[in-house]
Amino acid sequence: MRGRGLALVAGAKMGQARAQQQYEQQAQVQEAQQQAAAAQAPATAPTTDTTAELKKLADLHEQGILTDDEFAASKKKLLGI
């Protein structure tokens, strides 16, 4: 009888350890999914500062101070593209 009780306790401890391991794996998967979602989140709308900078770039482009390539490169840099 005593041996059977020890076996039950050992089995319970093994079950607890396995449940803990599964919990940790699930937490890692959820963290990875959250990081992936954060990386894919759309960029926020341009702030008024960004909008003002874009207008300045457009004015410089219209005046011929910036070439098409310079304007496109500056715009990409400003927008973080």
C-alpha atoms as a PDB file:
ATOM      1  CA  MET A   1       0.000   0.000   0.000  1.00  0.00           C
ATOM      2  CA  ARG A   2       2.723   2.427   0.916  1.00  0.00           C
ATOM      3  CA  GLY A   3       4.478   1.941  -2.414  1.00  0.00           C
ATOM      4  CA  ARG A   4       1.294   2.750  -4.247  1.00  0.00           C
ATOM      5  CA  GLY A   5       0.920   6.032  -2.349  1.00  0.00           C
ATOM      6  CA  LEU A   6       4.456   7.043  -3.250  1.00  0.00           C
ATOM      7  CA  ALA A   7       3.787   6.231  -6.886  1.00  0.00           C
ATOM      8  CA  LEU A   8       0.681   8.425  -6.831  1.00  0.00           C
ATOM      9  CA  VAL A   9       2.618  11.326  -5.331  1.00  0.00           C
ATOM     10  CA  ALA A  10       5.409  10.902  -7.882  1.00  0.00           C
ATOM     11  CA  GLY A  11       2.856  10.807 -10.699  1.00  0.00           C
ATOM     12  CA  ALA A  12       1.199  13.966  -9.422  1.00  0.00           C
ATOM     13  CA  LYS A  13       4.541  15.775  -9.297  1.00  0.00           C
ATOM     14  CA  MET A  14       5.334  14.667 -12.843  1.00  0.00           C
ATOM     15  CA  GLY A  15       1.956  15.972 -13.965  1.00  0.00           C
ATOM     16  CA  GLN A  16       2.605  19.312 -12.304  1.00  0.00           C
ATOM     17  CA  ALA A  17       6.020  19.589 -13.944  1.00  0.00           C
ATOM     18  CA  ARG A  18       4.537  18.807 -17.351  1.00  0.00           C
ATOM     19  CA  ALA A  19       1.746  21.335 -16.857  1.00  0.00           C
ATOM     20  CA  GLN A  20       4.317  23.986 -15.892  1.00  0.00           C
ATOM     21  CA  GLN A  21       6.365  23.188 -18.991  1.00  0.00           C
ATOM     22  CA  GLN A  22       3.307  23.495 -21.226  1.00  0.00           C
ATOM     23  CA  TYR A  23       2.385  26.793 -19.558  1.00  0.00           C
ATOM     24  CA  GLU A  24       5.871  28.190 -20.214  1.00  0.00           C
ATOM     25  CA  GLN A  25       5.788  27.063 -23.847  1.00  0.00           C
ATOM     26  CA  GLN A  26       2.389  28.686 -24.329  1.00  0.00           C
ATOM     27  CA  ALA A  27       3.672  31.921 -22.783  1.00  0.00           C
ATOM     28  CA  GLN A  28       6.636  31.915 -25.190  1.00  0.00           C
ATOM     29  CA  VAL A  29       4.332  31.391 -28.174  1.00  0.00           C
ATOM     30  CA  GLN A  30       2.054  34.227 -27.052  1.00  0.00           C
ATOM     31  CA  GLU A  31       5.022  36.552 -26.573  1.00  0.00           C
ATOM     32  CA  ALA A  32       6.321  35.713 -30.050  1.00  0.00           C
ATOM     33  CA  GLN A  33       2.875  36.380 -31.536  1.00  0.00           C
ATOM     34  CA  GLN A  34       2.646  39.739 -29.764  1.00  0.00           C
ATOM     35  CA  GLN A  35       6.066  40.745 -31.041  1.00  0.00           C
ATOM     36  CA  ALA A  36       5.109  39.739 -34.582  1.00  0.00           C
ATOM     37  CA  ALA A  37       1.860  41.704 -34.333  1.00  0.00           C
ATOM     38  CA  ALA A  38       3.719  44.760 -33.055  1.00  0.00           C
ATOM     39  CA  ALA A  39       6.153  44.541 -35.957  1.00  0.00           C
ATOM     40  CA  GLN A  40       3.268  44.395 -38.437  1.00  0.00           C
ATOM     41  CA  ALA A  41       1.252  47.189 -36.825  1.00  0.00           C
ATOM     42  CA  PRO A  42       0.508  50.003 -39.259  1.00  0.00           C
ATOM     43  CA  ALA A  43       2.432  53.205 -38.834  1.00  0.00           C
ATOM     44  CA  THR A  44       0.641  56.002 -37.051  1.00  0.00           C
ATOM     45  CA  ALA A  45      -0.704  58.914 -39.019  1.00  0.00           C
ATOM     46  CA  PRO A  46       1.804  61.669 -39.716  1.00  0.00           C
ATOM     47  CA  THR A  47       1.941  64.330 -37.046  1.00  0.00           C
ATOM     48  CA  THR A  48       1.533  67.995 -37.892  1.00  0.00           C
ATOM     49  CA  ASP A  49       5.341  68.360 -37.815  1.00  0.00           C
ATOM     50  CA  THR A  50       5.674  65.647 -40.432  1.00  0.00           C
ATOM     51  CA  THR A  51       2.933  67.215 -42.495  1.00  0.00           C
ATOM     52  CA  ALA A  52       4.656  70.587 -42.314  1.00  0.00           C
ATOM     53  CA  GLU A  53       7.958  69.021 -43.362  1.00  0.00           C
ATOM     54  CA  LEU A  54       6.264  67.329 -46.315  1.00  0.00           C
ATOM     55  CA  LYS A  55       4.795  70.669 -47.381  1.00  0.00           C
ATOM     56  CA  LYS A  56       8.250  72.274 -47.198  1.00  0.00           C
ATOM     57  CA  LEU A  57       9.706  69.490 -49.318  1.00  0.00           C
ATOM     58  CA  ALA A  58       6.891  69.867 -51.837  1.00  0.00           C
ATOM     59  CA  ASP A  59       7.493  73.623 -52.033  1.00  0.00           C
ATOM     60  CA  LEU A  60      11.218  73.100 -52.603  1.00  0.00           C
ATOM     61  CA  HIS A  61      10.413  70.547 -55.289  1.00  0.00           C
ATOM     62  CA  GLU A  62       7.966  72.886 -57.025  1.00  0.00           C
ATOM     63  CA  GLN A  63      10.559  75.676 -56.965  1.00  0.00           C
ATOM     64  CA  GLY A  64      13.053  73.390 -58.654  1.00  0.00           C
ATOM     65  CA  ILE A  65      15.438  73.352 -55.700  1.00  0.00           C
ATOM     66  CA  LEU A  66      14.922  69.603 -55.225  1.00  0.00           C
ATOM     67  CA  THR A  67      15.022  67.156 -58.123  1.00  0.00           C
ATOM     68  CA  ASP A  68      12.413  64.425 -58.425  1.00  0.00           C
ATOM     69  CA  ASP A  69      14.871  61.873 -57.008  1.00  0.00           C
ATOM     70  CA  GLU A  70      15.899  64.132 -54.118  1.00  0.00           C
ATOM     71  CA  PHE A  71      12.259  64.838 -53.301  1.00  0.00           C
ATOM     72  CA  ALA A  72      11.354  61.136 -53.360  1.00  0.00           C
ATOM     73  CA  ALA A  73      14.341  60.191 -51.202  1.00  0.00           C
ATOM     74  CA  SER A  74      13.634  62.962 -48.682  1.00  0.00           C
ATOM     75  CA  LYS A  75       9.979  62.009 -48.500  1.00  0.00           C
ATOM     76  CA  LYS A  76      10.811  58.337 -47.889  1.00  0.00           C
ATOM     77  CA  LYS A  77      13.286  59.271 -45.182  1.00  0.00           C
ATOM     78  CA  LEU A  78      10.771  61.562 -43.488  1.00  0.00           C
ATOM     79  CA  LEU A  79       8.020  58.943 -43.581  1.00  0.00           C
ATOM     80  CA  GLY A  80      10.354  56.140 -42.476  1.00  0.00           C
ATOM     81  CA  ILE A  81       9.699  54.047 -45.550  1.00  0.00           C
END
